[in-house]
PDB file of all heavy atoms in Angstrom:
ATOM      1  N   SER A   1     -41.829  45.453 -78.483  1.00  0.00           N
ATOM      2  CA  SER A   1     -41.288  46.566 -79.272  1.00  0.00           C
ATOM      3  C   SER A   1     -40.244  47.312 -78.488  1.00  0.00           C
ATOM      4  O   SER A   1     -39.180  47.665 -79.032  1.00  0.00           O
ATOM      5  CB  SER A   1     -42.423  47.503 -79.668  1.00  0.00           C
ATOM      6  OG  SER A   1     -43.428  46.848 -80.404  1.00  0.00           O
ATOM      7  N   TYR A   2     -40.497  47.572 -77.213  1.00  0.00           N
ATOM      8  CA  TYR A   2     -39.543  48.293 -76.385  1.00  0.00           C
ATOM      9  C   TYR A   2     -38.245  47.502 -76.219  1.00  0.00           C
ATOM     10  O   TYR A   2     -37.163  48.045 -76.241  1.00  0.00           O
ATOM     11  CB  TYR A   2     -40.158  48.600 -75.025  1.00  0.00           C
ATOM     12  CG  TYR A   2     -39.304  49.444 -74.138  1.00  0.00           C
ATOM     13  CD1 TYR A   2     -38.632  50.580 -74.617  1.00  0.00           C
ATOM     14  CD2 TYR A   2     -39.132  49.134 -72.774  1.00  0.00           C
ATOM     15  CE1 TYR A   2     -37.861  51.355 -73.799  1.00  0.00           C
ATOM     16  CE2 TYR A   2     -38.371  49.927 -71.973  1.00  0.00           C
ATOM     17  CZ  TYR A   2     -37.699  51.051 -72.466  1.00  0.00           C
ATOM     18  OH  TYR A   2     -36.919  51.809 -71.652  1.00  0.00           O
ATOM     19  N   GLY A   3     -38.388  46.184 -76.064  1.00  0.00           N
ATOM     20  CA  GLY A   3     -37.198  45.314 -75.953  1.00  0.00           C
ATOM     21  C   GLY A   3     -36.318  45.415 -77.196  1.00  0.00           C
ATOM     22  O   GLY A   3     -35.095  45.416 -77.090  1.00  0.00           O
ATOM     23  N   LEU A   4     -36.944  45.457 -78.368  1.00  0.00           N
ATOM     24  CA  LEU A   4     -36.176  45.575 -79.605  1.00  0.00           C
ATOM     25  C   LEU A   4     -35.439  46.928 -79.692  1.00  0.00           C
ATOM     26  O   LEU A   4     -34.287  47.003 -80.133  1.00  0.00           O
ATOM     27  CB  LEU A   4     -37.093  45.437 -80.792  1.00  0.00           C
ATOM     28  CG  LEU A   4     -37.717  44.071 -81.039  1.00  0.00           C
ATOM     29  CD1 LEU A   4     -38.738  44.091 -82.145  1.00  0.00           C
ATOM     30  CD2 LEU A   4     -36.616  43.040 -81.348  1.00  0.00           C
ATOM     31  N   ILE A   5     -36.074  47.962 -79.164  1.00  0.00           N
ATOM     32  CA  ILE A   5     -35.418  49.265 -79.143  1.00  0.00           C
ATOM     33  C   ILE A   5     -34.248  49.260 -78.187  1.00  0.00           C
ATOM     34  O   ILE A   5     -33.132  49.705 -78.545  1.00  0.00           O
ATOM     35  CB  ILE A   5     -36.446  50.348 -78.723  1.00  0.00           C
ATOM     36  CG1 ILE A   5     -37.517  50.515 -79.787  1.00  0.00           C
ATOM     37  CG2 ILE A   5     -35.731  51.683 -78.479  1.00  0.00           C
ATOM     38  CD1 ILE A   5     -38.651  51.426 -79.382  1.00  0.00           C
ATOM     39  N   LEU A   6     -34.398  48.705 -76.987  1.00  0.00           N
ATOM     40  CA  LEU A   6     -33.313  48.622 -76.018  1.00  0.00           C
ATOM     41  C   LEU A   6     -32.138  47.828 -76.576  1.00  0.00           C
ATOM     42  O   LEU A   6     -30.972  48.197 -76.366  1.00  0.00           O
ATOM     43  CB  LEU A   6     -33.805  48.015 -74.722  1.00  0.00           C
ATOM     44  CG  LEU A   6     -34.747  48.869 -73.841  1.00  0.00           C
ATOM     45  CD1 LEU A   6     -35.198  48.046 -72.610  1.00  0.00           C
ATOM     46  CD2 LEU A   6     -34.063  50.142 -73.389  1.00  0.00           C
ATOM     47  N   ALA A   7     -32.449  46.727 -77.246  1.00  0.00           N
ATOM     48  CA  ALA A   7     -31.397  45.852 -77.741  1.00  0.00           C
ATOM     49  C   ALA A   7     -30.545  46.499 -78.840  1.00  0.00           C
ATOM     50  O   ALA A   7     -29.441  46.081 -79.131  1.00  0.00           O
ATOM     51  CB  ALA A   7     -31.992  44.555 -78.257  1.00  0.00           C
ATOM     52  N   ASN A   8     -31.083  47.565 -79.466  1.00  0.00           N
ATOM     53  CA  ASN A   8     -30.389  48.213 -80.563  1.00  0.00           C
ATOM     54  C   ASN A   8     -29.718  49.514 -80.163  1.00  0.00           C
ATOM     55  O   ASN A   8     -29.213  50.215 -81.017  1.00  0.00           O
ATOM     56  CB  ASN A   8     -31.348  48.441 -81.726  1.00  0.00           C
ATOM     57  CG  ASN A   8     -31.541  47.208 -82.581  1.00  0.00           C
ATOM     58  OD1 ASN A   8     -30.799  46.981 -83.520  1.00  0.00           O
ATOM     59  ND2 ASN A   8     -32.522  46.360 -82.226  1.00  0.00           N
ATOM     60  N   ARG A   9     -29.731  49.824 -78.864  1.00  0.00           N
ATOM     61  CA  ARG A   9     -29.049  51.015 -78.410  1.00  0.00           C
ATOM     62  C   ARG A   9     -27.604  50.722 -78.157  1.00  0.00           C
ATOM     63  O   ARG A   9     -27.250  49.605 -77.704  1.00  0.00           O
ATOM     64  CB  ARG A   9     -29.717  51.581 -77.137  1.00  0.00           C
ATOM     65  CG  ARG A   9     -31.057  52.231 -77.446  1.00  0.00           C
ATOM     66  CD  ARG A   9     -31.729  52.731 -76.209  1.00  0.00           C
ATOM     67  NE  ARG A   9     -32.974  53.428 -76.564  1.00  0.00           N
ATOM     68  CZ  ARG A   9     -33.902  53.740 -75.696  1.00  0.00           C
ATOM     69  NH1 ARG A   9     -33.765  53.384 -74.421  1.00  0.00           N
ATOM     70  NH2 ARG A   9     -35.009  54.338 -76.068  1.00  0.00           N
ATOM     71  N   GLN A  10     -26.755  51.675 -78.413  1.00  0.00           N
ATOM     72  CA  GLN A  10     -25.291  51.491 -78.328  1.00  0.00           C
ATOM     73  C   GLN A  10     -24.801  52.073 -77.008  1.00  0.00           C
ATOM     74  O   GLN A  10     -24.346  53.204 -76.917  1.00  0.00           O
ATOM     75  CB  GLN A  10     -24.594  52.179 -79.501  1.00  0.00           C
ATOM     76  CG  GLN A  10     -25.099  51.625 -80.837  1.00  0.00           C
ATOM     77  CD  GLN A  10     -24.622  52.445 -82.014  1.00  0.00           C
ATOM     78  OE1 GLN A  10     -23.740  53.273 -81.874  1.00  0.00           O
ATOM     79  NE2 GLN A  10     -25.208  52.232 -83.188  1.00  0.00           N
ATOM     80  N   HIS A  11     -24.897  51.263 -75.929  1.00  0.00           N
ATOM     81  CA  HIS A  11     -24.633  51.763 -74.618  1.00  0.00           C
ATOM     82  C   HIS A  11     -23.121  51.970 -74.359  1.00  0.00           C
ATOM     83  O   HIS A  11     -22.747  52.624 -73.370  1.00  0.00           O
ATOM     84  CB  HIS A  11     -25.207  50.825 -73.577  1.00  0.00           C
ATOM     85  CG  HIS A  11     -26.698  50.694 -73.641  1.00  0.00           C
ATOM     86  ND1 HIS A  11     -27.538  51.716 -73.243  1.00  0.00           N
ATOM     87  CD2 HIS A  11     -27.515  49.702 -74.069  1.00  0.00           C
ATOM     88  CE1 HIS A  11     -28.793  51.347 -73.431  1.00  0.00           C
ATOM     89  NE2 HIS A  11     -28.812  50.113 -73.895  1.00  0.00           N
ATOM     90  N   ARG A  12     -22.277  51.422 -75.236  1.00  0.00           N
ATOM     91  CA  ARG A  12     -20.827  51.614 -75.029  1.00  0.00           C
ATOM     92  C   ARG A  12     -20.374  52.995 -75.517  1.00  0.00           C
ATOM     93  O   ARG A  12     -19.308  53.460 -75.141  1.00  0.00           O
ATOM     94  CB  ARG A  12     -20.028  50.524 -75.787  1.00  0.00           C
ATOM     95  CG  ARG A  12     -20.174  49.138 -75.200  1.00  0.00           C
ATOM     96  CD  ARG A  12     -19.365  48.130 -75.973  1.00  0.00           C
ATOM     97  NE  ARG A  12     -19.543  46.787 -75.484  1.00  0.00           N
ATOM     98  CZ  ARG A  12     -18.815  46.231 -74.530  1.00  0.00           C
ATOM     99  NH1 ARG A  12     -17.844  46.911 -73.974  1.00  0.00           N
ATOM    100  NH2 ARG A  12     -19.044  44.989 -74.112  1.00  0.00           N
ATOM    101  N   ARG A  13     -21.172  53.589 -76.373  1.00  0.00           N
ATOM    102  CA  ARG A  13     -20.796  54.918 -76.885  1.00  0.00           C
ATOM    103  C   ARG A  13     -21.337  56.015 -75.992  1.00  0.00           C
ATOM    104  O   ARG A  13     -22.343  55.879 -75.347  1.00  0.00           O
ATOM    105  CB  ARG A  13     -21.327  55.055 -78.308  1.00  0.00           C
ATOM    106  CG  ARG A  13     -20.729  54.097 -79.302  1.00  0.00           C
ATOM    107  CD  ARG A  13     -21.370  54.218 -80.672  1.00  0.00           C
ATOM    108  NE  ARG A  13     -21.167  55.554 -81.228  1.00  0.00           N
ATOM    109  CZ  ARG A  13     -21.653  55.908 -82.430  1.00  0.00           C
ATOM    110  NH1 ARG A  13     -22.335  55.052 -83.170  1.00  0.00           N
ATOM    111  NH2 ARG A  13     -21.421  57.137 -82.885  1.00  0.00           N
ATOM    112  N   ALA A  14     -20.615  57.103 -76.009  1.00  0.00           N
ATOM    113  CA  ALA A  14     -21.040  58.266 -75.207  1.00  0.00           C
ATOM    114  C   ALA A  14     -22.369  58.810 -75.790  1.00  0.00           C
ATOM    115  O   ALA A  14     -22.625  58.741 -76.968  1.00  0.00           O
ATOM    116  CB  ALA A  14     -19.996  59.360 -75.236  1.00  0.00           C
ATOM    117  N   LEU A  15     -23.208  59.350 -74.886  1.00  0.00           N
ATOM    118  CA  LEU A  15     -24.455  59.946 -75.302  1.00  0.00           C
ATOM    119  C   LEU A  15     -24.137  61.129 -76.205  1.00  0.00           C
ATOM    120  O   LEU A  15     -23.273  61.941 -75.942  1.00  0.00           O
ATOM    121  CB  LEU A  15     -25.273  60.386 -74.105  1.00  0.00           C
ATOM    122  CG  LEU A  15     -25.772  59.286 -73.188  1.00  0.00           C
ATOM    123  CD1 LEU A  15     -26.605  59.894 -72.053  1.00  0.00           C
ATOM    124  CD2 LEU A  15     -26.606  58.267 -73.956  1.00  0.00           C
ATOM    125  N   LEU A  16     -24.919  61.252 -77.289  1.00  0.00           N
ATOM    126  CA  LEU A  16     -24.757  62.363 -78.228  1.00  0.00           C
ATOM    127  C   LEU A  16     -25.938  63.310 -78.073  1.00  0.00           C
ATOM    128  O   LEU A  16     -27.081  62.893 -78.125  1.00  0.00           O
ATOM    129  CB  LEU A  16     -24.699  61.834 -79.657  1.00  0.00           C
ATOM    130  CG  LEU A  16     -23.572  60.799 -79.954  1.00  0.00           C
ATOM    131  CD1 LEU A  16     -23.695  60.367 -81.386  1.00  0.00           C
ATOM    132  CD2 LEU A  16     -22.205  61.456 -79.703  1.00  0.00           C
ATOM    133  N   ARG A  17     -25.619  64.578 -77.877  1.00  0.00           N
ATOM    134  CA  ARG A  17     -26.681  65.549 -77.769  1.00  0.00           C
ATOM    135  C   ARG A  17     -27.217  65.887 -79.158  1.00  0.00           C
ATOM    136  O   ARG A  17     -26.572  66.521 -79.949  1.00  0.00           O
ATOM    137  CB  ARG A  17     -26.147  66.835 -77.094  1.00  0.00           C
ATOM    138  CG  ARG A  17     -25.935  66.683 -75.590  1.00  0.00           C
ATOM    139  CD  ARG A  17     -27.270  66.648 -74.890  1.00  0.00           C
ATOM    140  NE  ARG A  17     -27.122  66.295 -73.459  1.00  0.00           N
ATOM    141  CZ  ARG A  17     -28.113  66.096 -72.663  1.00  0.00           C
ATOM    142  NH1 ARG A  17     -29.371  66.164 -73.108  1.00  0.00           N
ATOM    143  NH2 ARG A  17     -27.898  65.816 -71.391  1.00  0.00           N
ATOM    144  N   ARG A  18     -28.429  65.394 -79.441  1.00  0.00           N
ATOM    145  CA  ARG A  18     -29.040  65.714 -80.719  1.00  0.00           C
ATOM    146  C   ARG A  18     -30.169  66.719 -80.497  1.00  0.00           C
ATOM    147  O   ARG A  18     -30.712  66.829 -79.415  1.00  0.00           O
ATOM    148  CB  ARG A  18     -29.606  64.435 -81.340  1.00  0.00           C
ATOM    149  CG  ARG A  18     -28.561  63.403 -81.705  1.00  0.00           C
ATOM    150  CD  ARG A  18     -29.215  62.286 -82.522  1.00  0.00           C
ATOM    151  NE  ARG A  18     -28.231  61.345 -83.010  1.00  0.00           N
ATOM    152  CZ  ARG A  18     -27.901  60.193 -82.415  1.00  0.00           C
ATOM    153  NH1 ARG A  18     -28.504  59.848 -81.316  1.00  0.00           N
ATOM    154  NH2 ARG A  18     -26.999  59.395 -82.938  1.00  0.00           N
ATOM    155  N   LYS A  19     -30.547  67.386 -81.554  1.00  0.00           N
ATOM    156  CA  LYS A  19     -31.650  68.334 -81.471  1.00  0.00           C
ATOM    157  C   LYS A  19     -32.915  67.609 -81.098  1.00  0.00           C
ATOM    158  O   LYS A  19     -33.276  66.583 -81.690  1.00  0.00           O
ATOM    159  CB  LYS A  19     -31.805  69.043 -82.815  1.00  0.00           C
ATOM    160  CG  LYS A  19     -32.890  70.108 -82.766  1.00  0.00           C
ATOM    161  CD  LYS A  19     -33.012  70.782 -84.156  1.00  0.00           C
ATOM    162  CE  LYS A  19     -34.106  71.826 -84.119  1.00  0.00           C
ATOM    163  NZ  LYS A  19     -34.283  72.519 -85.422  1.00  0.00           N
ATOM    164  N   VAL A  20     -33.581  68.095 -80.078  1.00  0.00           N
ATOM    165  CA  VAL A  20     -34.810  67.444 -79.601  1.00  0.00           C
ATOM    166  C   VAL A  20     -35.925  67.623 -80.646  1.00  0.00           C
ATOM    167  O   VAL A  20     -36.035  68.659 -81.290  1.00  0.00           O
ATOM    168  CB  VAL A  20     -35.262  68.098 -78.264  1.00  0.00           C
ATOM    169  CG1 VAL A  20     -36.530  67.436 -77.741  1.00  0.00           C
ATOM    170  CG2 VAL A  20     -34.159  67.982 -77.243  1.00  0.00           C
ATOM    171  N   SER A  21     -36.717  66.546 -80.814  1.00  0.00           N
ATOM    172  CA  SER A  21     -37.820  66.595 -81.760  1.00  0.00           C
ATOM    173  C   SER A  21     -38.801  67.697 -81.383  1.00  0.00           C
ATOM    174  O   SER A  21     -39.069  67.933 -80.200  1.00  0.00           O
ATOM    175  CB  SER A  21     -38.515  65.243 -81.782  1.00  0.00           C
ATOM    176  OG  SER A  21     -39.739  65.318 -82.438  1.00  0.00           O
ATOM    177  N   ALA A  22     -39.324  68.335 -82.420  1.00  0.00           N
ATOM    178  CA  ALA A  22     -40.352  69.382 -82.184  1.00  0.00           C
ATOM    179  C   ALA A  22     -41.567  68.798 -81.477  1.00  0.00           C
ATOM    180  O   ALA A  22     -42.188  69.467 -80.638  1.00  0.00           O
ATOM    181  CB  ALA A  22     -40.739  70.039 -83.491  1.00  0.00           C
ATOM    182  N   VAL A  23     -41.914  67.564 -81.809  1.00  0.00           N
ATOM    183  CA  VAL A  23     -43.028  66.890 -81.166  1.00  0.00           C
ATOM    184  C   VAL A  23     -42.744  66.733 -79.663  1.00  0.00           C
ATOM    185  O   VAL A  23     -43.625  66.967 -78.829  1.00  0.00           O
ATOM    186  CB  VAL A  23     -43.318  65.519 -81.826  1.00  0.00           C
ATOM    187  CG1 VAL A  23     -44.377  64.759 -81.054  1.00  0.00           C
ATOM    188  CG2 VAL A  23     -43.691  65.688 -83.264  1.00  0.00           C
ATOM    189  N   ALA A  24     -41.527  66.288 -79.346  1.00  0.00           N
ATOM    190  CA  ALA A  24     -41.150  66.086 -77.948  1.00  0.00           C
ATOM    191  C   ALA A  24     -41.195  67.392 -77.166  1.00  0.00           C
ATOM    192  O   ALA A  24     -41.643  67.452 -76.044  1.00  0.00           O
ATOM    193  CB  ALA A  24     -39.776  65.451 -77.853  1.00  0.00           C
ATOM    194  N   VAL A  25     -40.706  68.505 -77.787  1.00  0.00           N
ATOM    195  CA  VAL A  25     -40.718  69.797 -77.142  1.00  0.00           C
ATOM    196  C   VAL A  25     -42.149  70.228 -76.834  1.00  0.00           C
ATOM    197  O   VAL A  25     -42.479  70.710 -75.725  1.00  0.00           O
ATOM    198  CB  VAL A  25     -40.005  70.846 -78.020  1.00  0.00           C
ATOM    199  CG1 VAL A  25     -40.182  72.241 -77.444  1.00  0.00           C
ATOM    200  CG2 VAL A  25     -38.540  70.510 -78.152  1.00  0.00           C
ATOM    201  N   LEU A  26     -43.021  70.063 -77.839  1.00  0.00           N
ATOM    202  CA  LEU A  26     -44.410  70.485 -77.666  1.00  0.00           C
ATOM    203  C   LEU A  26     -45.084  69.660 -76.565  1.00  0.00           C
ATOM    204  O   LEU A  26     -45.805  70.214 -75.714  1.00  0.00           O
ATOM    205  CB  LEU A  26     -45.148  70.314 -78.998  1.00  0.00           C
ATOM    206  CG  LEU A  26     -46.638  70.659 -78.996  1.00  0.00           C
ATOM    207  CD1 LEU A  26     -46.826  72.150 -78.680  1.00  0.00           C
ATOM    208  CD2 LEU A  26     -47.271  70.334 -80.328  1.00  0.00           C
ATOM    209  N   CYS A  27     -44.862  68.334 -76.579  1.00  0.00           N
ATOM    210  CA  CYS A  27     -45.535  67.458 -75.607  1.00  0.00           C
ATOM    211  C   CYS A  27     -45.006  67.733 -74.208  1.00  0.00           C
ATOM    212  O   CYS A  27     -45.767  67.708 -73.238  1.00  0.00           O
ATOM    213  CB  CYS A  27     -45.318  65.990 -75.984  1.00  0.00           C
ATOM    214  SG  CYS A  27     -46.219  65.461 -77.455  1.00  0.00           S
ATOM    215  N   ARG A  28     -43.699  67.961 -74.100  1.00  0.00           N
ATOM    216  CA  ARG A  28     -43.106  68.255 -72.779  1.00  0.00           C
ATOM    217  C   ARG A  28     -43.712  69.546 -72.224  1.00  0.00           C
ATOM    218  O   ARG A  28     -44.086  69.627 -71.063  1.00  0.00           O
ATOM    219  CB  ARG A  28     -41.592  68.398 -72.913  1.00  0.00           C
ATOM    220  CG  ARG A  28     -40.882  68.837 -71.663  1.00  0.00           C
ATOM    221  CD  ARG A  28     -39.385  68.929 -71.877  1.00  0.00           C
ATOM    222  NE  ARG A  28     -38.670  69.558 -70.798  1.00  0.00           N
ATOM    223  CZ  ARG A  28     -38.530  70.858 -70.684  1.00  0.00           C
ATOM    224  NH1 ARG A  28     -38.998  71.659 -71.630  1.00  0.00           N
ATOM    225  NH2 ARG A  28     -37.891  71.390 -69.665  1.00  0.00           N
ATOM    226  N   ARG A  29     -43.785  70.603 -73.058  1.00  0.00           N
ATOM    227  CA  ARG A  29     -44.338  71.857 -72.607  1.00  0.00           C
ATOM    228  C   ARG A  29     -45.817  71.680 -72.232  1.00  0.00           C
ATOM    229  O   ARG A  29     -46.265  72.216 -71.184  1.00  0.00           O
ATOM    230  CB  ARG A  29     -44.192  72.900 -73.720  1.00  0.00           C
ATOM    231  CG  ARG A  29     -44.652  74.296 -73.322  1.00  0.00           C
ATOM    232  CD  ARG A  29     -44.552  75.242 -74.472  1.00  0.00           C
ATOM    233  NE  ARG A  29     -43.214  75.274 -75.048  1.00  0.00           N
ATOM    234  CZ  ARG A  29     -42.965  75.132 -76.349  1.00  0.00           C
ATOM    235  NH1 ARG A  29     -43.964  74.956 -77.207  1.00  0.00           N
ATOM    236  NH2 ARG A  29     -41.733  75.187 -76.800  1.00  0.00           N
ATOM    237  N   TRP A  30     -46.556  70.915 -73.008  1.00  0.00           N
ATOM    238  CA  TRP A  30     -47.955  70.711 -72.712  1.00  0.00           C
ATOM    239  C   TRP A  30     -48.154  69.924 -71.435  1.00  0.00           C
ATOM    240  O   TRP A  30     -49.010  70.246 -70.614  1.00  0.00           O
ATOM    241  CB  TRP A  30     -48.597  69.974 -73.916  1.00  0.00           C
ATOM    242  CG  TRP A  30     -50.053  69.682 -73.735  1.00  0.00           C
ATOM    243  CD1 TRP A  30     -51.054  70.563 -73.538  1.00  0.00           C
ATOM    244  CD2 TRP A  30     -50.642  68.371 -73.735  1.00  0.00           C
ATOM    245  NE1 TRP A  30     -52.257  69.917 -73.420  1.00  0.00           N
ATOM    246  CE2 TRP A  30     -52.046  68.560 -73.528  1.00  0.00           C
ATOM    247  CE3 TRP A  30     -50.166  67.091 -73.892  1.00  0.00           C
ATOM    248  CZ2 TRP A  30     -52.943  67.503 -73.466  1.00  0.00           C
ATOM    249  CZ3 TRP A  30     -51.081  66.029 -73.837  1.00  0.00           C
ATOM    250  CH2 TRP A  30     -52.404  66.225 -73.624  1.00  0.00           C
ATOM    251  N   PHE A  31     -47.340  68.879 -71.265  1.00  0.00           N
ATOM    252  CA  PHE A  31     -47.467  68.056 -70.042  1.00  0.00           C
ATOM    253  C   PHE A  31     -47.176  68.878 -68.778  1.00  0.00           C
ATOM    254  O   PHE A  31     -47.905  68.788 -67.820  1.00  0.00           O
ATOM    255  CB  PHE A  31     -46.500  66.879 -70.126  1.00  0.00           C
ATOM    256  CG  PHE A  31     -46.601  65.924 -68.939  1.00  0.00           C
ATOM    257  CD1 PHE A  31     -47.467  64.857 -68.975  1.00  0.00           C
ATOM    258  CD2 PHE A  31     -45.850  66.142 -67.799  1.00  0.00           C
ATOM    259  CE1 PHE A  31     -47.560  64.005 -67.859  1.00  0.00           C
ATOM    260  CE2 PHE A  31     -45.923  65.291 -66.700  1.00  0.00           C
ATOM    261  CZ  PHE A  31     -46.809  64.218 -66.741  1.00  0.00           C
ATOM    262  N   LEU A  32     -46.110  69.672 -68.811  1.00  0.00           N
ATOM    263  CA  LEU A  32     -45.744  70.467 -67.631  1.00  0.00           C
ATOM    264  C   LEU A  32     -46.781  71.538 -67.340  1.00  0.00           C
ATOM    265  O   LEU A  32     -47.101  71.789 -66.160  1.00  0.00           O
ATOM    266  CB  LEU A  32     -44.369  71.097 -67.822  1.00  0.00           C
ATOM    267  CG  LEU A  32     -43.182  70.104 -67.862  1.00  0.00           C
ATOM    268  CD1 LEU A  32     -41.903  70.829 -68.205  1.00  0.00           C
ATOM    269  CD2 LEU A  32     -43.054  69.355 -66.527  1.00  0.00           C
ATOM    270  N   SER A  33     -47.296  72.167 -68.375  1.00  0.00           N
ATOM    271  CA  SER A  33     -48.302  73.216 -68.149  1.00  0.00           C
ATOM    272  C   SER A  33     -49.609  72.647 -67.669  1.00  0.00           C
ATOM    273  O   SER A  33     -50.393  73.351 -66.987  1.00  0.00           O
ATOM    274  CB  SER A  33     -48.505  74.033 -69.436  1.00  0.00           C
ATOM    275  OG  SER A  33     -49.034  73.182 -70.452  1.00  0.00           O
ATOM    276  N   ALA A  34     -49.862  71.385 -67.997  1.00  0.00           N
ATOM    277  CA  ALA A  34     -51.131  70.732 -67.599  1.00  0.00           C
ATOM    278  C   ALA A  34     -50.956  69.862 -66.371  1.00  0.00           C
ATOM    279  O   ALA A  34     -51.766  68.970 -66.099  1.00  0.00           O
ATOM    280  CB  ALA A  34     -51.672  69.893 -68.764  1.00  0.00           C
ATOM    281  N   ALA A  35     -49.908  70.100 -65.582  1.00  0.00           N
ATOM    282  CA  ALA A  35     -49.620  69.277 -64.417  1.00  0.00           C
ATOM    283  C   ALA A  35     -50.797  69.173 -63.453  1.00  0.00           C
ATOM    284  O   ALA A  35     -51.120  68.100 -62.934  1.00  0.00           O
ATOM    285  CB  ALA A  35     -48.379  69.823 -63.690  1.00  0.00           C
ATOM    286  N   PRO A  36     -51.557  70.282 -63.175  1.00  0.00           N
ATOM    287  CA  PRO A  36     -52.688  70.151 -62.290  1.00  0.00           C
ATOM    288  C   PRO A  36     -53.730  69.141 -62.824  1.00  0.00           C
ATOM    289  O   PRO A  36     -54.376  68.458 -62.033  1.00  0.00           O
ATOM    290  CB  PRO A  36     -53.282  71.573 -62.269  1.00  0.00           C
ATOM    291  CG  PRO A  36     -52.107  72.459 -62.558  1.00  0.00           C
ATOM    292  CD  PRO A  36     -51.290  71.692 -63.551  1.00  0.00           C
ATOM    293  N   LEU A  37     -53.868  69.087 -64.148  1.00  0.00           N
ATOM    294  CA  LEU A  37     -54.832  68.141 -64.733  1.00  0.00           C
ATOM    295  C   LEU A  37     -54.409  66.714 -64.442  1.00  0.00           C
ATOM    296  O   LEU A  37     -55.235  65.870 -64.064  1.00  0.00           O
ATOM    297  CB  LEU A  37     -54.917  68.377 -66.232  1.00  0.00           C
ATOM    298  CG  LEU A  37     -55.722  67.320 -67.028  1.00  0.00           C
ATOM    299  CD1 LEU A  37     -57.196  67.289 -66.565  1.00  0.00           C
ATOM    300  CD2 LEU A  37     -55.623  67.586 -68.528  1.00  0.00           C
ATOM    301  N   TRP A  38     -53.110  66.393 -64.598  1.00  0.00           N
ATOM    302  CA  TRP A  38     -52.625  65.026 -64.371  1.00  0.00           C
ATOM    303  C   TRP A  38     -52.760  64.614 -62.925  1.00  0.00           C
ATOM    304  O   TRP A  38     -53.146  63.488 -62.623  1.00  0.00           O
ATOM    305  CB  TRP A  38     -51.175  64.896 -64.839  1.00  0.00           C
ATOM    306  CG  TRP A  38     -50.942  65.399 -66.231  1.00  0.00           C
ATOM    307  CD1 TRP A  38     -50.005  66.328 -66.629  1.00  0.00           C
ATOM    308  CD2 TRP A  38     -51.681  65.030 -67.403  1.00  0.00           C
ATOM    309  NE1 TRP A  38     -50.129  66.567 -67.980  1.00  0.00           N
ATOM    310  CE2 TRP A  38     -51.137  65.780 -68.487  1.00  0.00           C
ATOM    311  CE3 TRP A  38     -52.740  64.187 -67.641  1.00  0.00           C
ATOM    312  CZ2 TRP A  38     -51.598  65.687 -69.780  1.00  0.00           C
ATOM    313  CZ3 TRP A  38     -53.210  64.063 -68.966  1.00  0.00           C
ATOM    314  CH2 TRP A  38     -52.650  64.811 -70.006  1.00  0.00           C
ATOM    315  N   PHE A  39     -52.472  65.557 -62.027  1.00  0.00           N
ATOM    316  CA  PHE A  39     -52.645  65.221 -60.606  1.00  0.00           C
ATOM    317  C   PHE A  39     -54.121  65.098 -60.271  1.00  0.00           C
ATOM    318  O   PHE A  39     -54.507  64.306 -59.407  1.00  0.00           O
ATOM    319  CB  PHE A  39     -51.936  66.255 -59.737  1.00  0.00           C
ATOM    320  CG  PHE A  39     -50.472  66.054 -59.641  1.00  0.00           C
ATOM    321  CD1 PHE A  39     -49.589  66.759 -60.487  1.00  0.00           C
ATOM    322  CD2 PHE A  39     -49.925  65.167 -58.732  1.00  0.00           C
ATOM    323  CE1 PHE A  39     -48.237  66.572 -60.400  1.00  0.00           C
ATOM    324  CE2 PHE A  39     -48.552  64.961 -58.638  1.00  0.00           C
ATOM    325  CZ  PHE A  39     -47.694  65.650 -59.481  1.00  0.00           C
TER     326      PHE A  39
END
C-alpha cells in the first residue's frame, strides 16, 4: 500500500502547503504531550 502511495506522488512539483488535517493536528498534539508514556 505504501509503495502505491509513493509511486503516485509528484516529486517533480514543488511542495504545496495545504491545511493540515484536524486528525493529524490532534494526533501530533497528543503524541507530543504523551512523550513520557512513549519513552
